[in-house]
Structures are given as C-alpha cells and as structure tokens.
Amino acid sequence: MQSGIVSNRLILGVCAFSVSFGLSLVPNWNFTQALITGIITVLATYSAALFVDKRRRNYELLVLSSLHRKIRELESLKYRIAREVEQVQQHKIILYTESQQLQNQIVESRNQRDSLHRDIGNFAGQKKQLELEINGLINELQNIENSTEELKNYCAELTSEKRRLELNCNASRSEINQLQAQIEAFNQEKQEIENNLILSNRLKPQLEEKLYELRLEIQELDIKVVNQNNLLTETITTRKNLENTLTDLQTQKQTQQAEISQLQNHISLLQDERDLLQNQVWELLQNVENLHQEPLTDNIQESEIELFPFDELLEPINSQKSNSLPSEWSNFLENLPTYQIQVLKAIVEQDNPKAMIKQIAEAQITMPNLLIDGINEIANNTLGELIIETSAEIPEIYQEHLLNIKQIIAVYENSLKKSTSSN
C-alpha cells in the first residue's frame, strides 16, 4: 500500500515537472527558467498532495469514531434487549401462576353458583316485589312522556315559547327531583336489605345482583330524561318561528294604532265643528227668544236634543278604545283581583316597586314573591306565558306585554272612576 502511494506521487511529480518545463521552455527557450518553474510546480503539487492526504486522514478518523460510537450504541441496545427478554420470561412465569389462581377461583365460583341456584327459590317473592316497583317506575316514565307530548301541543299554540320553556324546565327539574327522591328511597331499601343480609351471608351476592339491575334501570331513566331535553331543544326551534309571527303581529298592531290615531284626529275635528254649530244655534235661539219667548221654549229643548247627536257618535268609538284588548287579555283582567292589578300598576309606574309590593303583600297576609308568582300563574293559565320577569333583582314586565298591561291598568282606572261617579 505504501509503495503504491510512493509510485503515484512519483508519477504525479514527473507529470507536473514535464508539463511545466515544456510549457515554460516553448515560448522563451530558457532552460534555467524552465527548470526553476518545473521545480516550483513539483513542490506545489507535492504540498497540495500532502494537504489532500491530511484531510483524507482526518475524514477517515471521523468515520472511524462514528463507527465506534454506533458499535457502542448497538452493544447497549443488545444489553437492553437481553434485559427485556429476561423481564418477559419473568412476566410469563407470573402469568402462569396467575392463570392457576384464576382456575382455582373459577372452581370456587362454580361452587358458589350452585349455592346461589339453591337460594334463588327463596327470593322469588322478593323479585316479584321489585318487579312491581319497576312497573311503577315505567308508569311514571309513561306519564313523563305524556307530559312531553302536551308540551309539544302547547308550543304550537303559544306566542312566546321562551317563558313557557322555563316553566317546562322547572317541571322537568321537579320530576328529576322526584326521581332522585325515588332513588333515595331505593337506597334506603338497599340499606335495609343489607342490614337483613348481615344475618344471612349466603343471600348477599343475590341481592347485590338485584341492586345492580336497579342501578341499570335508573341509568335508563336518566337516558329518557336526556331524550326529553332533546325534545325541549326541538321546541326552541318552534319558539323562534313563533317569535317571527309575533313581529308580524306587532307590525299589524302598529298600523292599527296609526289608524286609531287618525280616527282620534278626525273626532277632534268633528268636536270643533260641533262647538261651532252649538255657538251658531245658541245665537239663533237668542234671536228667536227675542221674538217668541214663551211659545218656543219646548221647541228649543227638542231642537237641542235633535241638533247635538255627537255624543252618541263618540260613544261607540270610546267603547271601542276601552274594549281594544284581545279576548285572552280581557279574560286575564277578569281573573285578576284588585290587589294584583295594584301590583302590576306599581311595577309599571315606579322605578323601584319593592316597597309598594311589600305593602300590598302585608295587607293580603302573604309574601311579595308569592304575589308575583300568583300573577304569573294566572297569566300562564289564560295567556299561556309569563308576564313578569322574576330572575332580575327588581321585578319587571316583559317588553312585549308592557302595552297590554298599560291598557289593563287604564281600563281598571276607568272602571274605578265610573264607580265613584255613580256613587
């Protein structure tokens, strides 16, 4: 190997010397200068060859170090694999011992199963009682399903489903609380059964299996409650459609109010004309009285009656204004007692009606919250929705019902004025 390197270097030096000597000799034919250039090129080529050999040795050393490092890593990997193989063998031995223990447990469980089959006959009566209780739960679930169907039917007829959904959620929560109370009753029965099982340890596994079945049935009840919540989400979509119809109705109502305002303006014009006619008639009557005082007194009274029928014309318009409430709102007004109308008036007219509501509640020997709940209950029965927002700190009328409540208060005040004037 060393001789081959030396021969290659000699060939490289001879080639470099000959080429440089020939190239420098041809243009000038100066042998000394050509010899010097040839020697310089030989030295340059040998120095370049030495530099290249040095870099190649460094690269080979780097490759050898990387190979040694990889060998060490492979040896450590081999050691880890051997250690893991030993662990797998130990785990295999442990699994074998556990399998034998499981076989022993299977034999014991078979013996226990035989004893349980003998005890099943003694607990058939208890099983029937539990089945009767389960049937009762199924009937309650059917009642819950019927209530959800009724909720769907109500959602199609109501104008604002948001408040109704709150009531339905409260009803479903109360039903869930009832179910939880029944679950607590089952737990109490479980405790009693466990106290009885202390006397007979053989009966304990059978009763635990039955309690597990009851828990599964309770989980099924929870799943059905979740289905009811899904039905409530479907009703929310119907509520949105109803809100769109409400906006249309409100626009129609605004147009009707504009027409009523036009009629009121027309009535005011007619009243002005009536005043003018009355003045003219009085002037004519005074002129006639100067001519015929005594014989025309009766005729004057008859003419007054005949010439002024405007009050009769205005009566149906005023009655129409007083009876502009819808039928369900008039029904709501009929079902409200006077103290509840006073509560609504305080909420509408006062910024902080708590003191007034408390005073009315003390006069009726009740609580303010119960007064507001009573009004909402009557509104739910007649209108199908709530009218007072109870979640806020200060009770407020919902904005979409505020105009109707003001009309109810106006009708109530008019009826009070009429009763006082008649008295």
Protein backbone atom coordinates (compact mmCIF):
# COMPACT_ATOMS: atom_id res chain seq x y z
CA MET A 1 0.00 0.00 0.00
CA GLN A 2 2.85 2.37 0.90
CA SER A 3 4.81 1.52 -2.30
CA GLY A 4 1.71 2.25 -4.42
CA ILE A 5 1.32 5.67 -2.80
CA VAL A 6 5.04 6.47 -3.41
CA SER A 7 4.82 5.40 -7.08
CA ASN A 8 1.70 7.52 -7.57
CA ARG A 9 3.44 10.53 -6.09
CA LEU A 10 6.49 9.99 -8.33
CA ILE A 11 4.27 9.77 -11.42
CA LEU A 12 2.43 12.93 -10.32
CA GLY A 13 5.75 14.80 -9.80
CA VAL A 14 7.18 13.66 -13.16
CA CYS A 15 4.00 14.67 -14.99
CA ALA A 16 3.87 18.08 -13.30
CA PHE A 17 7.59 18.73 -13.92
CA SER A 18 7.41 17.70 -17.58
CA VAL A 19 4.30 19.75 -18.29
CA SER A 20 5.58 22.91 -16.54
CA PHE A 21 9.07 22.53 -18.04
CA GLY A 22 7.65 22.09 -21.53
CA LEU A 23 5.21 25.00 -21.25
CA SER A 24 7.87 27.43 -19.89
CA LEU A 25 10.54 26.27 -22.39
CA VAL A 26 8.49 26.66 -25.60
CA PRO A 27 7.94 30.48 -25.65
CA ASN A 28 11.46 31.66 -24.50
CA TRP A 29 13.75 28.60 -24.83
CA ASN A 30 15.36 29.40 -21.47
CA PHE A 31 16.37 26.12 -19.82
CA THR A 32 17.22 27.59 -16.39
CA GLN A 33 13.93 29.41 -16.07
CA ALA A 34 12.04 26.34 -17.32
CA LEU A 35 13.91 24.17 -14.79
CA ILE A 36 13.05 26.56 -11.93
CA THR A 37 9.36 26.65 -12.87
CA GLY A 38 9.32 22.85 -13.13
CA ILE A 39 10.86 22.55 -9.65
CA ILE A 40 8.33 25.06 -8.24
CA THR A 41 5.38 23.20 -9.78
CA VAL A 42 6.69 19.88 -8.38
CA LEU A 43 6.93 21.41 -4.89
CA ALA A 44 3.42 22.90 -5.25
CA THR A 45 1.92 19.62 -6.41
CA TYR A 46 3.57 17.68 -3.55
CA SER A 47 2.38 20.21 -0.96
CA ALA A 48 -1.14 20.01 -2.41
CA ALA A 49 -0.98 16.20 -2.34
CA LEU A 50 0.16 16.26 1.31
CA PHE A 51 -2.70 18.63 2.22
CA VAL A 52 -5.23 16.38 0.47
CA ASP A 53 -3.82 13.28 2.24
CA LYS A 54 -4.07 15.04 5.59
CA ARG A 55 -7.73 15.95 5.02
CA ARG A 56 -8.48 12.41 3.89
CA ARG A 57 -6.90 11.02 7.08
CA ASN A 58 -8.98 13.39 9.20
CA TYR A 59 -12.15 12.30 7.39
CA GLU A 60 -11.25 8.62 7.91
CA LEU A 61 -10.67 9.28 11.63
CA LEU A 62 -14.13 10.92 11.88
CA VAL A 63 -15.73 7.94 10.15
CA LEU A 64 -13.93 5.54 12.49
CA SER A 65 -15.08 7.50 15.58
CA SER A 66 -18.69 7.48 14.34
CA LEU A 67 -18.46 3.75 13.66
CA HIS A 68 -17.08 3.12 17.18
CA ARG A 69 -19.93 5.18 18.64
CA LYS A 70 -22.53 3.20 16.64
CA ILE A 71 -20.92 -0.06 17.84
CA ARG A 72 -21.23 1.10 21.45
CA GLU A 73 -24.89 2.06 20.90
CA LEU A 74 -25.63 -1.33 19.33
CA GLU A 75 -23.98 -3.08 22.28
CA SER A 76 -26.11 -1.05 24.74
CA LEU A 77 -29.20 -1.88 22.66
CA LYS A 78 -28.25 -5.54 22.75
CA TYR A 79 -27.91 -5.36 26.55
CA ARG A 80 -31.35 -3.69 26.91
CA ILE A 81 -32.97 -6.30 24.62
CA ALA A 82 -31.45 -9.10 26.69
CA ARG A 83 -32.74 -7.48 29.90
CA GLU A 84 -36.24 -7.07 28.41
CA VAL A 85 -36.21 -10.73 27.33
CA GLU A 86 -35.48 -11.68 30.93
CA GLN A 87 -38.34 -9.46 32.13
CA VAL A 88 -40.69 -11.07 29.59
CA GLN A 89 -39.73 -14.51 30.86
CA GLN A 90 -40.37 -13.43 34.46
CA HIS A 91 -43.74 -11.94 33.40
CA LYS A 92 -44.54 -15.21 31.65
CA ILE A 93 -43.89 -17.10 34.91
CA ILE A 94 -46.11 -14.64 36.82
CA LEU A 95 -48.91 -15.05 34.25
CA TYR A 96 -48.68 -18.79 34.58
CA THR A 97 -49.10 -18.58 38.35
CA GLU A 98 -52.00 -16.13 37.94
CA SER A 99 -53.70 -18.46 35.46
CA GLN A 100 -53.52 -21.26 38.01
CA GLN A 101 -55.01 -18.93 40.64
CA LEU A 102 -57.81 -17.99 38.23
CA GLN A 103 -58.56 -21.63 37.62
CA ASN A 104 -58.87 -22.12 41.37
CA GLN A 105 -61.15 -19.10 41.59
CA ILE A 106 -63.28 -20.47 38.74
CA VAL A 107 -63.74 -23.71 40.67
CA GLU A 108 -64.74 -21.72 43.77
CA SER A 109 -67.14 -19.54 41.75
CA ARG A 110 -68.79 -22.65 40.34
CA ASN A 111 -69.38 -23.89 43.86
CA GLN A 112 -70.84 -20.51 44.82
CA ARG A 113 -73.05 -20.58 41.73
CA ASP A 114 -74.51 -23.89 42.80
CA SER A 115 -75.29 -22.44 46.22
CA LEU A 116 -76.85 -19.36 44.60
CA HIS A 117 -79.10 -21.52 42.41
CA ARG A 118 -80.37 -23.15 45.59
CA ASP A 119 -81.07 -19.71 47.14
CA ILE A 120 -82.92 -18.35 44.09
CA GLY A 121 -86.08 -20.21 45.01
CA ASN A 122 -86.22 -18.49 48.41
CA PHE A 123 -86.02 -14.99 46.89
CA ALA A 124 -88.60 -15.32 44.11
CA GLY A 125 -91.14 -13.39 46.20
CA GLN A 126 -88.72 -10.51 46.72
CA LYS A 127 -88.03 -10.48 42.99
CA LYS A 128 -91.76 -10.09 42.28
CA GLN A 129 -91.97 -7.12 44.64
CA LEU A 130 -89.04 -5.47 42.87
CA GLU A 131 -90.71 -6.11 39.51
CA LEU A 132 -93.87 -4.36 40.77
CA GLU A 133 -91.78 -1.34 41.78
CA ILE A 134 -90.11 -1.37 38.36
CA ASN A 135 -93.56 -1.37 36.70
CA GLY A 136 -94.45 1.65 38.81
CA LEU A 137 -91.35 3.42 37.54
CA ILE A 138 -92.30 2.52 33.96
CA ASN A 139 -95.77 4.02 34.50
CA GLU A 140 -94.18 7.20 35.82
CA LEU A 141 -91.99 7.33 32.73
CA GLN A 142 -95.07 6.98 30.54
CA ASN A 143 -96.64 9.88 32.43
CA ILE A 144 -93.49 11.89 31.76
CA GLU A 145 -93.72 11.05 28.05
CA ASN A 146 -97.37 12.14 28.01
CA SER A 147 -96.37 15.42 29.65
CA THR A 148 -93.73 15.97 26.94
CA GLU A 149 -96.39 15.43 24.24
CA GLU A 150 -98.60 18.00 25.95
CA LEU A 151 -95.65 20.39 25.96
CA LYS A 152 -95.31 19.95 22.19
CA ASN A 153 -99.01 20.72 21.71
CA TYR A 154 -98.76 23.84 23.86
CA CYS A 155 -95.69 25.04 21.94
CA ALA A 156 -97.72 25.12 18.69
CA GLU A 157 -100.34 27.45 20.25
CA LEU A 158 -98.24 29.83 22.38
CA THR A 159 -96.98 33.24 21.17
CA SER A 160 -93.74 33.39 23.17
CA GLU A 161 -92.22 29.99 23.85
CA LYS A 162 -89.24 31.23 25.83
CA ARG A 163 -91.13 31.75 29.09
CA ARG A 164 -93.04 28.53 28.66
CA LEU A 165 -89.82 26.60 28.21
CA GLU A 166 -88.63 27.95 31.55
CA LEU A 167 -91.75 26.54 33.22
CA ASN A 168 -91.30 23.23 31.42
CA CYS A 169 -87.66 23.11 32.54
CA ASN A 170 -88.78 23.73 36.11
CA ALA A 171 -91.36 20.97 35.77
CA SER A 172 -88.77 18.58 34.37
CA ARG A 173 -86.41 19.50 37.20
CA SER A 174 -89.13 18.78 39.73
CA GLU A 175 -89.72 15.44 38.04
CA ILE A 176 -85.98 14.74 38.17
CA ASN A 177 -86.04 15.64 41.86
CA GLN A 178 -88.91 13.19 42.29
CA LEU A 179 -86.85 10.54 40.53
CA GLN A 180 -83.92 11.36 42.79
CA ALA A 181 -86.22 11.03 45.80
CA GLN A 182 -87.29 7.64 44.50
CA ILE A 183 -83.63 6.74 44.03
CA GLU A 184 -83.01 7.75 47.64
CA ALA A 185 -85.94 5.55 48.64
CA PHE A 186 -84.34 2.70 46.74
CA ASN A 187 -81.08 3.39 48.54
CA GLN A 188 -82.88 3.25 51.89
CA GLU A 189 -84.42 -0.06 50.88
CA LYS A 190 -80.94 -1.18 49.91
CA GLN A 191 -79.66 -0.31 53.40
CA GLU A 192 -82.50 -2.24 54.99
CA ILE A 193 -81.73 -5.22 52.77
CA GLU A 194 -78.05 -5.01 53.70
CA ASN A 195 -78.98 -4.98 57.41
CA ASN A 196 -81.01 -8.11 56.82
CA LEU A 197 -78.16 -9.64 54.82
CA ILE A 198 -75.83 -9.37 57.83
CA LEU A 199 -77.83 -12.23 59.38
CA SER A 200 -77.55 -14.38 56.25
CA ASN A 201 -74.29 -14.01 54.32
CA ARG A 202 -75.42 -16.52 51.73
CA LEU A 203 -78.13 -14.11 50.48
CA LYS A 204 -75.73 -11.19 49.99
CA PRO A 205 -74.49 -11.94 46.41
CA GLN A 206 -78.01 -12.42 45.06
CA LEU A 207 -79.26 -9.12 46.48
CA GLU A 208 -76.21 -7.27 45.14
CA GLU A 209 -77.05 -8.54 41.67
CA LYS A 210 -80.59 -7.25 42.05
CA LEU A 211 -79.34 -3.85 43.23
CA TYR A 212 -77.11 -3.73 40.17
CA GLU A 213 -80.15 -4.34 37.96
CA LEU A 214 -81.94 -1.47 39.70
CA ARG A 215 -78.99 0.81 39.02
CA LEU A 216 -79.12 -0.14 35.36
CA GLU A 217 -82.81 0.74 35.29
CA ILE A 218 -82.03 4.11 36.94
CA GLN A 219 -79.48 4.78 34.21
CA GLU A 220 -82.17 4.02 31.64
CA LEU A 221 -84.39 6.58 33.36
CA ASP A 222 -81.60 9.16 33.10
CA ILE A 223 -81.29 8.39 29.38
CA LYS A 224 -85.00 9.02 28.92
CA VAL A 225 -84.66 12.35 30.74
CA VAL A 226 -81.91 13.29 28.29
CA ASN A 227 -84.30 12.44 25.45
CA GLN A 228 -86.82 14.81 27.00
CA ASN A 229 -84.19 17.57 26.97
CA ASN A 230 -83.67 16.87 23.27
CA LEU A 231 -87.40 17.34 22.74
CA LEU A 232 -87.12 20.68 24.53
CA THR A 233 -84.41 21.75 22.07
CA GLU A 234 -86.80 20.96 19.24
CA THR A 235 -89.39 23.19 20.84
CA ILE A 236 -86.84 26.03 20.86
CA THR A 237 -86.85 25.99 17.06
CA THR A 238 -90.64 26.27 17.06
CA ARG A 239 -90.32 29.16 19.51
CA LYS A 240 -88.18 31.05 17.01
CA ASN A 241 -90.85 30.63 14.36
CA LEU A 242 -93.44 31.93 16.82
CA GLU A 243 -91.28 34.97 17.56
CA ASN A 244 -91.21 35.76 13.84
CA THR A 245 -95.02 35.62 13.77
CA LEU A 246 -95.07 37.90 16.84
CA THR A 247 -93.05 40.52 14.98
CA ASP A 248 -95.58 40.39 12.13
CA LEU A 249 -98.45 40.80 14.61
CA GLN A 250 -96.70 43.76 16.25
CA THR A 251 -96.35 45.49 12.88
CA GLN A 252 -100.07 44.93 12.24
CA LYS A 253 -100.79 46.30 15.69
CA GLN A 254 -98.76 49.43 14.97
CA THR A 255 -100.72 50.01 11.78
CA GLN A 256 -103.97 49.64 13.73
CA GLN A 257 -102.72 52.15 16.31
CA ALA A 258 -101.92 54.59 13.50
CA GLU A 259 -105.47 54.18 12.19
CA ILE A 260 -106.83 54.79 15.71
CA SER A 261 -104.76 57.98 15.97
CA GLN A 262 -106.20 59.12 12.63
CA LEU A 263 -109.72 58.44 13.94
CA GLN A 264 -108.95 60.45 17.08
CA ASN A 265 -107.80 63.39 14.96
CA HIS A 266 -110.99 63.13 12.92
CA ILE A 267 -113.03 63.05 16.16
CA SER A 268 -111.28 66.20 17.39
CA LEU A 269 -112.18 67.93 14.11
CA LEU A 270 -115.80 66.84 14.50
CA GLN A 271 -115.83 68.15 18.06
CA ASP A 272 -114.59 71.56 16.85
CA GLU A 273 -117.32 71.62 14.22
CA ARG A 274 -119.85 70.68 16.90
CA ASP A 275 -118.74 73.62 19.06
CA LEU A 276 -119.12 75.97 16.12
CA LEU A 277 -122.59 74.63 15.39
CA GLN A 278 -123.57 74.98 19.04
CA ASN A 279 -122.49 78.61 19.08
CA GLN A 280 -124.43 79.30 15.92
CA VAL A 281 -127.51 77.54 17.31
CA TRP A 282 -127.32 79.49 20.56
CA GLU A 283 -127.12 82.74 18.63
CA LEU A 284 -130.13 81.71 16.57
CA LEU A 285 -132.02 80.68 19.71
CA GLN A 286 -131.29 84.01 21.36
CA ASN A 287 -132.58 85.81 18.30
CA VAL A 288 -135.70 83.64 18.29
CA GLU A 289 -136.24 84.18 22.04
CA ASN A 290 -136.35 87.88 21.48
CA LEU A 291 -139.20 87.37 19.04
CA HIS A 292 -141.07 84.47 20.62
CA GLN A 293 -140.04 83.86 24.20
CA GLU A 294 -142.82 81.75 25.68
CA PRO A 295 -144.22 79.51 22.88
CA LEU A 296 -140.82 78.30 21.69
CA THR A 297 -139.33 77.00 24.95
CA ASP A 298 -140.42 73.43 24.40
CA ASN A 299 -139.32 73.53 20.76
CA ILE A 300 -135.91 74.82 21.83
CA GLN A 301 -135.38 71.84 24.09
CA GLU A 302 -136.40 69.46 21.30
CA SER A 303 -134.10 71.23 18.86
CA GLU A 304 -131.21 70.93 21.30
CA ILE A 305 -131.83 67.21 21.54
CA GLU A 306 -132.06 66.85 17.78
CA LEU A 307 -129.15 69.10 16.85
CA PHE A 308 -126.46 67.53 19.05
CA PRO A 309 -126.17 63.77 18.49
CA PHE A 310 -122.34 63.89 18.58
CA ASP A 311 -122.08 62.24 21.99
CA GLU A 312 -123.96 59.29 20.61
CA LEU A 313 -121.50 59.12 17.73
CA LEU A 314 -118.49 59.29 20.09
CA GLU A 315 -119.74 56.60 22.49
CA PRO A 316 -119.03 53.57 20.21
CA ILE A 317 -115.54 54.92 19.42
CA ASN A 318 -114.73 55.35 23.12
CA SER A 319 -116.16 51.93 23.87
CA GLN A 320 -114.04 50.54 21.04
CA LYS A 321 -110.96 52.12 22.57
CA SER A 322 -111.80 50.72 26.01
CA ASN A 323 -112.50 47.29 24.58
CA SER A 324 -109.40 47.23 22.33
CA LEU A 325 -107.87 44.46 24.48
CA PRO A 326 -107.70 40.99 22.90
CA SER A 327 -110.02 38.31 24.23
CA GLU A 328 -107.31 36.48 26.17
CA TRP A 329 -106.15 39.72 27.83
CA SER A 330 -109.72 40.62 28.80
CA ASN A 331 -110.05 37.12 30.27
CA PHE A 332 -106.78 37.74 32.13
CA LEU A 333 -108.19 41.04 33.51
CA GLU A 334 -111.35 39.27 34.71
CA ASN A 335 -109.30 36.66 36.60
CA LEU A 336 -107.09 39.26 38.32
CA PRO A 337 -108.15 40.53 41.77
CA THR A 338 -107.73 44.20 42.60
CA TYR A 339 -104.59 43.85 44.71
CA GLN A 340 -102.78 42.04 41.87
CA ILE A 341 -103.75 44.85 39.46
CA GLN A 342 -102.25 47.27 42.02
CA VAL A 343 -99.03 45.20 41.96
CA LEU A 344 -98.90 45.48 38.13
CA LYS A 345 -99.51 49.23 38.37
CA ALA A 346 -96.65 49.63 40.87
CA ILE A 347 -94.26 47.66 38.62
CA VAL A 348 -95.18 49.75 35.55
CA GLU A 349 -95.26 53.21 37.14
CA GLN A 350 -92.49 53.02 39.78
CA ASP A 351 -88.74 52.62 39.32
CA ASN A 352 -88.34 50.54 42.49
CA PRO A 353 -91.73 48.97 43.30
CA LYS A 354 -90.45 46.66 46.05
CA ALA A 355 -91.80 48.80 48.90
CA MET A 356 -95.27 49.06 47.31
CA ILE A 357 -95.38 45.31 46.58
CA LYS A 358 -94.32 44.56 50.15
CA GLN A 359 -97.08 46.83 51.49
CA ILE A 360 -99.70 45.10 49.33
CA ALA A 361 -98.38 41.67 50.42
CA GLU A 362 -98.60 42.61 54.10
CA ALA A 363 -102.18 43.80 53.56
CA GLN A 364 -103.04 40.43 51.97
CA ILE A 365 -101.05 38.46 54.62
CA THR A 366 -98.65 36.91 52.09
CA MET A 367 -95.18 37.41 50.62
CA PRO A 368 -94.13 39.58 47.59
CA ASN A 369 -92.69 36.59 45.73
CA LEU A 370 -95.94 34.69 46.15
CA LEU A 371 -97.91 37.67 44.80
CA ILE A 372 -95.73 37.81 41.65
CA ASP A 373 -95.89 34.03 41.23
CA GLY A 374 -99.68 34.19 41.51
CA ILE A 375 -99.87 36.78 38.72
CA ASN A 376 -97.56 34.69 36.52
CA GLU A 377 -99.65 31.60 37.23
CA ILE A 378 -102.87 33.36 36.14
CA ALA A 379 -101.06 34.67 33.03
CA ASN A 380 -99.82 31.19 32.23
CA ASN A 381 -103.31 29.73 32.55
CA THR A 382 -105.03 32.45 30.47
CA LEU A 383 -102.31 33.77 28.12
CA GLY A 384 -100.04 30.74 28.03
CA GLU A 385 -96.89 32.64 29.08
CA LEU A 386 -95.33 34.68 31.89
CA ILE A 387 -95.59 38.48 32.01
CA ILE A 388 -93.26 39.35 34.96
CA GLU A 389 -89.53 38.64 34.87
CA THR A 390 -88.61 37.16 38.26
CA SER A 391 -84.91 36.48 37.61
CA ALA A 392 -83.95 40.18 37.93
CA GLU A 393 -83.41 41.89 41.27
CA ILE A 394 -86.29 44.31 40.59
CA PRO A 395 -89.41 42.71 39.04
CA GLU A 396 -90.13 43.97 35.52
CA ILE A 397 -92.82 43.48 32.88
CA TYR A 398 -91.60 41.84 29.68
CA GLN A 399 -91.31 44.45 26.93
CA GLU A 400 -93.71 42.71 24.53
CA HIS A 401 -96.50 42.73 27.17
CA LEU A 402 -95.97 46.26 28.50
CA LEU A 403 -98.53 47.94 26.21
CA ASN A 404 -101.29 45.45 27.08
CA ILE A 405 -100.57 45.82 30.81
CA LYS A 406 -100.87 49.61 30.49
CA GLN A 407 -104.24 49.18 28.74
CA ILE A 408 -105.40 46.85 31.54
CA ILE A 409 -104.42 49.47 34.14
CA ALA A 410 -106.24 52.19 32.14
CA VAL A 411 -109.40 50.05 31.94
CA TYR A 412 -109.20 49.38 35.69
CA GLU A 413 -108.82 53.09 36.47
CA ASN A 414 -111.75 53.97 34.16
CA SER A 415 -113.94 51.42 35.92
CA LEU A 416 -112.94 52.93 39.30
CA LYS A 417 -113.82 56.42 38.06
CA LYS A 418 -117.19 55.24 36.79
CA SER A 419 -117.97 53.50 40.08
CA THR A 420 -117.01 56.60 42.11
CA SER A 421 -119.03 58.90 39.79
CA SER A 422 -122.08 56.63 40.03
CA ASN A 423 -121.80 56.58 43.83
